[in-house]
Amino acid sequence: MTQQIVKSDQLSEQQFEYIKLIAEIMEIRKRGEKPLAFIRTYGCQQNVADSEKIKGMLEKAGFGFVDAPDDADFILFNTCAVREHAEDRVFGNVGALKNIKRRHPQILIALCGCMMEQEHVANRIYKSFPFVGLVFGTHSLHHFPELMYNSLVNGKRIFERGNDDKMIYEGFPVHRDGNFKGWLPIMYGCNNFCTYCIVPYVRGRERSREKDVILKEAREMIRSGYKDITLLGQNVNSYGKTLEQPISFAELIGEIDQTDGDYWLRFMTSHPKDCSKELIDTIAHSKHISKHLHLPFQSGSDRVLKAMNRHYDRKKYLETVAYAKEKIDGLSLTSDIIVGFPGETYEDFKETLSLIREVEFTSLFTFIFSPRKGTPAESMADPIPPEEKSKWFQELLDTQEEIAAKRCSSMVGKTEKVLIESVKEKTGELNARTSGNIIVELPGDSELIGTFQNVKITSARNWILKGEIDNGG
C-alpha cells in the first residue's frame, strides 16, 4: 500500500504565543535569576535532535540549561523504547526524582519520547509516579508549548499519546548541543516493520521533509561553521518516497555535497534493502560525504533474516558490500547485530560469524535480543537460554576484536584527516575521529577542538588509534 503524500506545515503562531505565556509564568515560578531546565536524552540521535527542538522552545521561553536535576525548575526525560535496558534505566532514574519534587514542589517533571507512545508504559507512569506532571509522545512534539502551559496553569497531570496526524511540522527553534557537530533530521517514521522493532509503532509511518527545507538548514549549518553534519532518519535510504515530487536520498545528499565549505556529511541509519548503487556512486565521487557506511545486517542467516522481516538475504547484502568496497576508496564499514533472535540456532549464529570474517567490519554495535512488547517477535518461541546466548555474544565480540585489531594495525604509519572532538579528562589527550568514524587519541591543546587536523597514526589498539599531529602531512 502506497504511503499517503505528506505536506510540511509550519509550527503555528499559536505555539509561539504559548511560549510567551510560559515565559511570563516562569518569571514568577523561577528559583533563581532565570528559569532553568534539565533535559536528559536516552537512545538514538533522532531523540537527541528532538531534544534540541525542545531546548529551542524552552530557550525562547527564557530558560537556561543545567547539568543537575536538583538545580532545575523544569525536568524532562526524553525516552527510548528500542531496548529493555533503556526502559529500565528510565524507570529507575524517574523514581529518583521523587525526592527532588518533595524538596521543590513547584518543579514540573515531564517525560516524552518513544516510551511514552506505549500504552502500558504510560499507564505505569500514571500509577507509579504521581509526581510526573506531563507525559507526551513523539507525535505531540509540535505542540509541546501548549501542553507545558496547560500543565503549569491547571496543575493537573497531562498525558498525551497516539496523536499521529502524519504531518511534518517545520519552524522549530533549535538549541544545538554542539557548535561543530550537528544532527539534521531528513525524515521520520519507518515502514519496514522488522519483527523485533518497536520504531514503526512509536514513530509512525515514514514521511520525508521537503528537499528545499533540508538544503536550507544544511547550508545554514555549514555557514555557521559545523564540521560534521549527520543526516538522520530511521531509513534514510528510502528518503523522498512520500513527497509529491519524489527524490532519492542519493540526489539529496549529492546536492548538499555541492555546498562549498570544509565539512563532513554523514548519515544514519541505512537499510541494506534500499542501499542503491546510485548512493554508493554518489559517496564515491563526493567531496564531503564520509567514507563510512553503517549498514546493519543483523544476522548472517537467511532463515533468521526472513523471520526478522528484513527483505534482503545474505547474498544481496554481500553484493552491496562488494560494490561499495570496489567503488569507495578507504571505505569503513560498520553494522548492527542481534544475537539470540527467537528460534536462532548455533548454526545460524555461525553464519553471522562467517559474514563478519568475510566483510571485516571496522566496528560493530552488538546486542542480545530484547523482546519489545507489541512486536511480532515478542510472541515467537525462544528456546535458547540466556546463558547460551551470552556465550555466543562473547564469541562474537572476540571475533570482531581480532578483525578490528588487524584493521587498526594496518593504519599505523598512515596520515589521516581527523576532526578533534574533545579532551579526555583523565589523561588530557585529545579525542578525534576519522572520516571512517574511527577514534584517534593524540596529544595536543584543547584549542584544537572543533578543527580538522592531519594526524600520523603511530600505534593501534583493538578499537582505537594513537597518533600525533603531522604538520607536514
Protein backbone atom coordinates (compact mmCIF):
# COMPACT_ATOMS: atom_id res chain seq x y z
CA MET A 1 0.00 0.00 0.00
CA THR A 2 1.37 3.41 -1.01
CA GLN A 3 2.04 5.83 1.81
CA GLN A 4 -0.04 8.99 1.53
CA ILE A 5 1.66 12.16 0.38
CA VAL A 6 2.74 14.29 3.30
CA LYS A 7 2.98 18.05 3.13
CA SER A 8 5.01 20.12 5.54
CA ASP A 9 3.23 22.52 7.84
CA GLN A 10 4.63 25.44 9.83
CA LEU A 11 4.85 25.42 13.60
CA SER A 12 1.79 27.50 14.37
CA GLU A 13 1.91 31.04 15.70
CA GLN A 14 -0.30 29.76 18.48
CA GLN A 15 2.57 27.70 19.88
CA PHE A 16 4.81 30.77 19.94
CA GLU A 17 2.09 32.54 21.91
CA TYR A 18 2.18 29.70 24.43
CA ILE A 19 5.96 30.10 24.63
CA LYS A 20 5.46 33.77 25.58
CA LEU A 21 2.91 32.78 28.23
CA ILE A 22 5.29 30.18 29.67
CA ALA A 23 7.95 32.89 29.95
CA GLU A 24 5.55 35.07 31.97
CA ILE A 25 4.63 32.20 34.30
CA MET A 26 8.24 31.20 34.86
CA GLU A 27 9.18 34.76 35.84
CA ILE A 28 7.08 34.10 38.94
CA ARG A 29 7.93 30.43 39.49
CA LYS A 30 11.71 30.51 38.90
CA ARG A 31 14.02 29.92 41.85
CA GLY A 32 16.98 31.91 40.55
CA GLU A 33 17.74 34.74 38.18
CA LYS A 34 16.20 32.85 35.27
CA PRO A 35 14.21 29.62 34.92
CA LEU A 36 16.40 26.56 34.44
CA ALA A 37 15.73 23.27 32.66
CA PHE A 38 17.36 19.87 32.93
CA ILE A 39 16.95 17.66 29.84
CA ARG A 40 18.17 14.05 29.78
CA THR A 41 18.06 12.23 26.45
CA TYR A 42 18.10 8.46 26.05
CA GLY A 43 18.54 6.44 22.88
CA CYS A 44 19.28 7.37 19.31
CA GLN A 45 20.41 10.54 17.57
CA GLN A 46 16.82 11.20 16.48
CA ASN A 47 15.95 11.60 20.16
CA VAL A 48 18.89 13.98 20.53
CA ALA A 49 17.54 16.04 17.61
CA ASP A 50 14.07 16.09 19.21
CA SER A 51 15.57 17.27 22.50
CA GLU A 52 17.34 20.08 20.66
CA LYS A 53 13.94 21.27 19.39
CA ILE A 54 12.51 21.14 22.90
CA LYS A 55 15.51 23.10 24.18
CA GLY A 56 14.97 25.62 21.39
CA MET A 57 11.39 26.22 22.51
CA LEU A 58 12.42 26.44 26.16
CA GLU A 59 15.19 28.88 25.27
CA LYS A 60 12.59 31.08 23.56
CA ALA A 61 10.68 31.00 26.85
CA GLY A 62 13.71 32.37 28.71
CA PHE A 63 15.12 29.11 30.06
CA GLY A 64 18.77 28.32 30.66
CA PHE A 65 20.04 24.76 30.99
CA VAL A 66 21.73 22.92 33.86
CA ASP A 67 23.56 19.62 34.25
CA ALA A 68 21.93 18.57 37.54
CA PRO A 69 18.17 17.98 38.01
CA ASP A 70 18.22 19.37 41.56
CA ASP A 71 19.01 22.84 40.19
CA ALA A 72 16.17 22.87 37.65
CA ASP A 73 12.69 24.40 37.55
CA PHE A 74 11.70 22.02 34.75
CA ILE A 75 12.94 18.44 34.35
CA LEU A 76 12.37 16.39 31.20
CA PHE A 77 13.46 12.88 30.23
CA ASN A 78 13.28 12.10 26.51
CA THR A 79 12.97 8.32 26.43
CA CYS A 80 13.91 5.38 24.20
CA ALA A 81 11.89 2.20 23.70
CA VAL A 82 14.27 0.23 21.48
CA ARG A 83 15.73 -1.98 24.22
CA GLU A 84 14.57 -3.19 27.62
CA HIS A 85 17.72 -1.94 29.34
CA ALA A 86 16.99 1.63 28.22
CA GLU A 87 13.46 1.41 29.62
CA ASP A 88 14.68 0.05 32.96
CA ARG A 89 17.16 2.94 33.26
CA VAL A 90 14.38 5.46 32.68
CA PHE A 91 12.12 3.99 35.35
CA GLY A 92 14.99 3.91 37.84
CA ASN A 93 16.04 7.48 37.18
CA VAL A 94 12.47 8.80 37.22
CA GLY A 95 11.96 7.22 40.63
CA ALA A 96 14.97 9.16 41.92
CA LEU A 97 13.21 12.43 41.06
CA LYS A 98 10.63 11.90 43.80
CA ASN A 99 12.87 13.46 46.45
CA ILE A 100 13.57 16.49 44.26
CA LYS A 101 9.84 17.05 43.80
CA ARG A 102 9.37 16.76 47.57
CA ARG A 103 12.04 19.41 48.22
CA HIS A 104 10.83 21.70 45.43
CA PRO A 105 7.08 21.13 44.88
CA GLN A 106 6.85 23.82 42.17
CA ILE A 107 9.12 21.86 39.80
CA LEU A 108 7.40 20.44 36.73
CA ILE A 109 8.63 16.94 35.84
CA ALA A 110 7.92 15.68 32.32
CA LEU A 111 8.56 12.57 30.24
CA CYS A 112 8.43 12.35 26.45
CA GLY A 113 9.72 10.27 23.56
CA CYS A 114 9.24 6.75 22.24
CA MET A 115 8.47 5.00 25.54
CA MET A 116 5.56 7.35 26.13
CA GLU A 117 3.85 6.21 22.91
CA GLN A 118 3.38 2.77 24.51
CA GLU A 119 0.13 2.44 26.43
CA HIS A 120 1.49 0.03 29.04
CA VAL A 121 4.36 2.43 29.82
CA ALA A 122 2.09 5.47 30.09
CA ASN A 123 -0.19 3.52 32.44
CA ARG A 124 2.75 2.52 34.63
CA ILE A 125 3.95 6.13 34.80
CA TYR A 126 0.47 7.30 35.72
CA LYS A 127 0.05 4.76 38.53
CA SER A 128 3.57 4.53 39.95
CA PHE A 129 4.99 8.04 39.54
CA PRO A 130 2.32 10.57 40.62
CA PHE A 131 4.91 13.37 40.80
CA VAL A 132 5.31 13.28 37.00
CA GLY A 133 3.06 16.08 35.73
CA LEU A 134 3.45 15.95 31.95
CA VAL A 135 3.77 12.96 29.61
CA PHE A 136 3.69 13.20 25.80
CA GLY A 137 4.72 11.01 22.89
CA THR A 138 6.74 11.57 19.75
CA HIS A 139 3.70 12.77 17.78
CA SER A 140 2.98 15.65 20.17
CA LEU A 141 6.32 17.45 19.96
CA HIS A 142 4.90 20.19 17.72
CA HIS A 143 2.60 21.46 20.45
CA PHE A 144 4.82 20.91 23.47
CA PRO A 145 4.48 24.61 24.49
CA GLU A 146 0.71 24.25 24.72
CA LEU A 147 0.99 21.09 26.81
CA MET A 148 3.55 22.65 29.13
CA TYR A 149 1.49 25.83 29.54
CA ASN A 150 -1.67 23.86 30.41
CA SER A 151 0.24 21.78 32.93
CA LEU A 152 1.70 24.88 34.61
CA VAL A 153 -1.62 26.75 34.73
CA ASN A 154 -4.01 23.94 35.65
CA GLY A 155 -1.72 22.00 37.94
CA LYS A 156 -3.27 18.81 36.59
CA ARG A 157 -1.40 15.87 35.15
CA ILE A 158 -1.42 15.78 31.35
CA PHE A 159 -0.89 12.57 29.37
CA GLU A 160 -0.97 12.63 25.57
CA ARG A 161 0.00 9.83 23.19
CA GLY A 162 -1.15 8.26 19.93
CA ASN A 163 -1.67 11.62 18.23
CA ASP A 164 -0.11 10.74 14.82
CA ASP A 165 -1.59 13.12 12.24
CA LYS A 166 1.01 12.04 9.65
CA MET A 167 2.22 15.62 9.25
CA ILE A 168 5.69 17.14 9.40
CA TYR A 169 5.92 20.39 11.34
CA GLU A 170 8.62 22.90 10.45
CA GLY A 171 9.69 26.17 12.03
CA PHE A 172 11.02 24.83 15.33
CA PRO A 173 13.63 26.94 17.08
CA VAL A 174 16.62 24.65 17.74
CA HIS A 175 19.16 24.82 20.56
CA ARG A 176 22.01 22.66 19.27
CA ASP A 177 24.14 20.90 21.88
CA GLY A 178 27.34 21.31 19.85
CA ASN A 179 28.85 24.04 17.70
CA PHE A 180 30.84 21.90 15.24
CA LYS A 181 28.95 18.57 15.21
CA GLY A 182 25.25 18.60 14.46
CA TRP A 183 22.21 16.46 13.64
CA LEU A 184 19.89 17.16 10.72
CA PRO A 185 16.68 15.06 10.52
CA ILE A 186 15.55 14.47 6.94
CA MET A 187 12.64 12.10 7.59
CA TYR A 188 10.62 10.49 10.37
CA GLY A 189 9.00 7.13 10.97
CA CYS A 190 9.51 3.74 9.34
CA ASN A 191 7.59 1.44 7.00
CA ASN A 192 9.75 -1.67 7.35
CA PHE A 193 8.18 -3.42 10.36
CA CYS A 194 11.12 -5.64 11.25
CA THR A 195 9.58 -8.18 13.62
CA TYR A 196 11.83 -7.23 16.56
CA CYS A 197 11.50 -3.44 16.22
CA ILE A 198 9.14 -1.08 18.06
CA VAL A 199 10.04 2.02 16.00
CA PRO A 200 7.14 1.95 13.46
CA TYR A 201 4.69 1.70 16.36
CA VAL A 202 6.11 4.64 18.32
CA ARG A 203 7.43 6.86 15.49
CA GLY A 204 4.67 6.25 12.94
CA ARG A 205 4.79 5.77 9.19
CA GLU A 206 7.57 7.05 7.02
CA ARG A 207 7.42 10.71 5.95
CA SER A 208 10.09 12.92 4.44
CA ARG A 209 10.89 16.59 4.89
CA GLU A 210 10.87 18.75 1.77
CA LYS A 211 14.19 18.91 -0.05
CA ASP A 212 14.40 22.71 -0.04
CA VAL A 213 13.87 22.87 3.73
CA ILE A 214 16.68 20.37 4.31
CA LEU A 215 19.05 22.13 1.90
CA LYS A 216 18.41 25.47 3.60
CA GLU A 217 19.09 24.04 7.06
CA ALA A 218 22.21 22.18 5.91
CA ARG A 219 23.65 25.28 4.26
CA GLU A 220 22.94 27.36 7.36
CA MET A 221 24.82 24.82 9.47
CA ILE A 222 27.77 24.84 7.08
CA ARG A 223 27.88 28.64 7.05
CA SER A 224 27.76 28.60 10.86
CA GLY A 225 30.92 26.52 10.98
CA TYR A 226 29.62 22.98 11.51
CA LYS A 227 32.30 20.48 10.53
CA ASP A 228 30.43 17.20 10.98
CA ILE A 229 26.76 17.01 9.96
CA THR A 230 24.77 13.79 10.26
CA LEU A 231 21.55 13.36 8.26
CA LEU A 232 19.03 11.39 10.33
CA GLY A 233 16.19 9.02 9.58
CA GLN A 234 15.02 5.55 10.59
CA ASN A 235 15.83 4.51 7.00
CA VAL A 236 17.49 7.38 5.14
CA ASN A 237 17.84 5.23 2.00
CA SER A 238 14.10 5.45 1.40
CA TYR A 239 14.04 9.24 1.74
CA GLY A 240 11.74 11.10 -0.63
CA LYS A 241 9.20 8.41 -1.44
CA THR A 242 6.33 10.22 0.31
CA LEU A 243 6.93 13.61 -1.31
CA GLU A 244 4.72 14.98 -4.10
CA GLN A 245 7.86 15.23 -6.22
CA PRO A 246 9.87 12.13 -5.25
CA ILE A 247 13.63 12.47 -4.92
CA SER A 248 16.15 9.82 -3.97
CA PHE A 249 18.42 10.02 -0.95
CA ALA A 250 21.40 9.89 -3.29
CA GLU A 251 20.12 13.01 -5.09
CA LEU A 252 19.53 14.83 -1.80
CA ILE A 253 22.93 14.14 -0.26
CA GLY A 254 24.58 14.84 -3.61
CA GLU A 255 23.01 18.32 -3.67
CA ILE A 256 24.15 19.07 -0.13
CA ASP A 257 27.65 17.88 -1.04
CA GLN A 258 27.86 20.61 -3.70
CA THR A 259 27.80 23.29 -0.97
CA ASP A 260 31.25 24.84 -0.56
CA GLY A 261 33.00 24.51 2.80
CA ASP A 262 35.26 22.33 4.92
CA TYR A 263 32.94 19.74 6.44
CA TRP A 264 31.94 16.08 6.51
CA LEU A 265 28.48 14.72 5.74
CA ARG A 266 27.36 11.54 7.47
CA PHE A 267 24.02 9.71 7.58
CA MET A 268 22.20 7.06 9.58
CA THR A 269 20.54 4.68 9.57
CA SER A 270 20.94 2.97 6.21
CA HIS A 271 18.81 -0.10 5.43
CA PRO A 272 20.52 -2.73 3.24
CA LYS A 273 17.41 -3.41 1.13
CA ASP A 274 17.37 0.23 -0.06
CA CYS A 275 21.11 0.87 -0.32
CA SER A 276 21.39 1.63 -4.03
CA LYS A 277 24.32 1.67 -6.41
CA GLU A 278 23.36 5.29 -7.08
CA LEU A 279 24.02 6.14 -3.41
CA ILE A 280 27.33 4.27 -3.36
CA ASP A 281 28.43 6.04 -6.56
CA THR A 282 27.44 9.40 -5.05
CA ILE A 283 29.58 8.74 -1.96
CA ALA A 284 32.48 7.60 -4.12
CA HIS A 285 32.53 10.80 -6.19
CA SER A 286 31.70 13.25 -3.39
CA LYS A 287 33.83 15.95 -1.83
CA HIS A 288 32.36 15.95 1.67
CA ILE A 289 30.46 12.69 2.28
CA SER A 290 32.19 10.50 4.86
CA LYS A 291 33.72 7.30 3.51
CA HIS A 292 31.88 5.45 6.25
CA LEU A 293 28.84 3.26 5.62
CA HIS A 294 26.82 1.99 8.56
CA LEU A 295 24.85 -0.89 7.04
CA PRO A 296 23.10 -3.06 9.68
CA PHE A 297 22.82 -6.71 8.62
CA GLN A 298 21.53 -8.05 12.00
CA SER A 299 22.13 -11.73 11.10
CA GLY A 300 24.15 -13.73 8.59
CA SER A 301 21.49 -16.45 8.37
CA ASP A 302 18.86 -16.20 5.61
CA ARG A 303 16.41 -18.14 7.78
CA VAL A 304 16.77 -15.63 10.62
CA LEU A 305 16.67 -12.64 8.26
CA LYS A 306 13.34 -13.87 6.90
CA ALA A 307 12.00 -14.27 10.44
CA MET A 308 13.18 -10.72 11.14
CA ASN A 309 11.31 -9.46 8.03
CA ARG A 310 14.44 -7.72 6.75
CA HIS A 311 13.62 -8.00 3.00
CA TYR A 312 17.12 -9.00 1.89
CA ASP A 313 19.26 -12.11 2.13
CA ARG A 314 22.91 -12.79 2.79
CA LYS A 315 23.78 -12.81 -0.93
CA LYS A 316 22.15 -9.42 -1.55
CA TYR A 317 23.93 -7.91 1.46
CA LEU A 318 27.34 -9.20 0.39
CA GLU A 319 26.79 -7.98 -3.17
CA THR A 320 26.05 -4.48 -1.86
CA VAL A 321 29.14 -4.55 0.35
CA ALA A 322 31.33 -5.78 -2.51
CA TYR A 323 30.11 -2.97 -4.78
CA ALA A 324 30.72 -0.38 -2.04
CA LYS A 325 34.26 -1.66 -1.38
CA GLU A 326 35.01 -1.59 -5.11
CA LYS A 327 33.78 1.98 -5.63
CA ILE A 328 34.69 3.82 -2.39
CA ASP A 329 38.40 4.15 -1.63
CA GLY A 330 39.21 3.62 2.04
CA LEU A 331 35.65 2.58 2.90
CA SER A 332 34.93 1.97 6.60
CA LEU A 333 32.01 -0.41 7.20
CA THR A 334 30.13 -0.74 10.47
CA SER A 335 26.98 -2.67 11.32
CA ASP A 336 24.42 -3.77 13.92
CA ILE A 337 23.96 -7.39 15.01
CA ILE A 338 21.30 -9.05 17.13
CA VAL A 339 22.41 -12.23 18.89
CA GLY A 340 19.88 -14.80 20.02
CA PHE A 341 16.84 -13.82 17.95
CA PRO A 342 13.91 -16.18 18.72
CA GLY A 343 14.48 -19.51 17.01
CA GLU A 344 18.12 -18.78 16.13
CA THR A 345 20.35 -21.84 16.42
CA TYR A 346 24.10 -22.02 16.88
CA GLU A 347 24.37 -22.98 13.20
CA ASP A 348 22.56 -19.72 12.33
CA PHE A 349 24.89 -17.81 14.61
CA LYS A 350 27.95 -19.34 12.93
CA GLU A 351 26.69 -17.88 9.63
CA THR A 352 26.80 -14.47 11.30
CA LEU A 353 30.39 -15.08 12.38
CA SER A 354 31.38 -16.14 8.86
CA LEU A 355 29.84 -12.97 7.38
CA ILE A 356 31.78 -10.84 9.86
CA ARG A 357 35.02 -12.55 8.85
CA GLU A 358 34.24 -12.12 5.16
CA VAL A 359 33.35 -8.41 5.35
CA GLU A 360 35.88 -7.40 8.04
CA PHE A 361 33.92 -4.55 9.61
CA THR A 362 35.67 -1.63 11.27
CA SER A 363 33.39 -1.97 14.29
CA LEU A 364 30.06 -3.46 15.30
CA PHE A 365 27.17 -2.49 17.54
CA THR A 366 26.11 -5.79 19.08
CA PHE A 367 23.05 -6.65 21.16
CA ILE A 368 21.48 -9.71 22.71
CA PHE A 369 17.84 -9.92 21.59
CA SER A 370 15.49 -7.90 23.77
CA PRO A 371 11.76 -8.57 23.26
CA ARG A 372 9.64 -5.45 22.77
CA LYS A 373 6.01 -5.54 23.85
CA GLY A 374 3.69 -5.25 20.85
CA THR A 375 6.12 -6.58 18.24
CA PRO A 376 5.69 -9.94 16.44
CA ALA A 377 8.99 -11.25 17.85
CA GLU A 378 7.66 -10.90 21.38
CA SER A 379 5.44 -13.97 20.91
CA MET A 380 7.92 -16.10 18.95
CA ALA A 381 9.24 -19.29 20.52
CA ASP A 382 12.65 -18.63 22.08
CA PRO A 383 14.07 -21.90 23.47
CA ILE A 384 17.74 -20.89 23.75
CA PRO A 385 18.58 -19.99 27.39
CA PRO A 386 20.13 -16.57 28.15
CA GLU A 387 23.35 -18.20 29.35
CA GLU A 388 23.88 -19.79 25.93
CA LYS A 389 23.16 -16.51 24.14
CA SER A 390 25.73 -14.79 26.35
CA LYS A 391 28.36 -17.34 25.24
CA TRP A 392 27.54 -16.64 21.59
CA PHE A 393 27.73 -12.94 22.28
CA GLN A 394 31.22 -13.25 23.76
CA GLU A 395 32.32 -15.34 20.79
CA LEU A 396 31.06 -12.57 18.51
CA LEU A 397 32.98 -9.91 20.46
CA ASP A 398 36.18 -11.97 20.37
CA THR A 399 35.87 -12.44 16.61
CA GLN A 400 35.31 -8.77 15.94
CA GLU A 401 38.13 -7.78 18.28
CA GLU A 402 40.59 -9.76 16.16
CA ILE A 403 39.31 -8.12 12.98
CA ALA A 404 39.36 -4.62 14.46
CA ALA A 405 42.89 -5.08 15.76
CA LYS A 406 44.05 -6.19 12.31
CA ARG A 407 42.32 -3.23 10.60
CA CYS A 408 43.66 -0.69 13.05
CA SER A 409 47.20 -2.07 12.84
CA SER A 410 47.09 -1.67 9.05
CA MET A 411 46.64 2.10 9.53
CA VAL A 412 49.85 2.61 11.54
CA GLY A 413 52.22 4.90 9.67
CA LYS A 414 49.47 6.50 7.58
CA THR A 415 48.37 10.13 7.87
CA GLU A 416 44.63 10.66 8.39
CA LYS A 417 42.49 13.77 8.37
CA VAL A 418 40.63 13.87 11.69
CA LEU A 419 38.16 16.11 13.48
CA ILE A 420 39.26 16.97 17.03
CA GLU A 421 36.18 16.42 19.22
CA SER A 422 37.06 16.59 22.91
CA VAL A 423 39.65 16.23 25.68
CA LYS A 424 39.96 13.11 27.82
CA GLU A 425 39.59 14.21 31.43
CA LYS A 426 41.93 11.61 32.94
CA THR A 427 44.85 11.90 30.53
CA GLY A 428 44.44 15.32 28.92
CA GLU A 429 44.75 13.69 25.49
CA LEU A 430 42.60 14.86 22.60
CA ASN A 431 39.86 12.63 21.19
CA ALA A 432 39.49 12.80 17.42
CA ARG A 433 37.60 10.90 14.73
CA THR A 434 38.47 9.95 11.16
CA SER A 435 36.14 10.22 8.17
CA GLY A 436 35.68 6.46 8.61
CA ASN A 437 34.41 7.03 12.18
CA ILE A 438 37.49 5.56 13.89
CA ILE A 439 38.59 7.16 17.17
CA VAL A 440 42.12 8.58 17.36
CA GLU A 441 43.79 9.72 20.59
CA LEU A 442 46.63 12.24 20.38
CA PRO A 443 48.48 14.86 22.44
CA GLY A 444 47.54 18.47 21.81
CA ASP A 445 45.96 21.67 23.05
CA SER A 446 42.23 21.94 23.75
CA GLU A 447 42.12 24.97 21.44
CA LEU A 448 42.20 22.45 18.57
CA ILE A 449 38.73 21.13 19.46
CA GLY A 450 36.39 21.65 16.53
CA THR A 451 39.17 21.75 13.91
CA PHE A 452 40.36 19.36 11.24
CA GLN A 453 43.96 18.19 11.60
CA ASN A 454 46.23 15.83 9.72
CA VAL A 455 47.39 13.14 12.15
CA LYS A 456 50.03 10.48 11.66
CA ILE A 457 48.96 7.18 13.19
CA THR A 458 51.74 5.94 15.47
CA SER A 459 50.16 2.87 17.13
CA ALA A 460 46.91 0.94 17.40
CA ARG A 461 44.86 -0.84 20.00
CA ASN A 462 41.91 -3.10 19.23
CA TRP A 463 39.43 -0.29 18.68
CA ILE A 464 41.38 2.96 19.00
CA LEU A 465 44.28 4.53 17.14
CA LYS A 466 47.06 6.64 18.64
CA GLY A 467 48.62 9.45 16.68
CA GLU A 468 50.32 12.82 16.58
CA ILE A 469 49.70 15.92 14.53
CA ASP A 470 51.53 15.77 11.20
CA ASN A 471 52.32 19.35 10.29
CA GLY A 472 53.84 18.24 7.03
CA GLY A 473 51.00 15.87 6.12
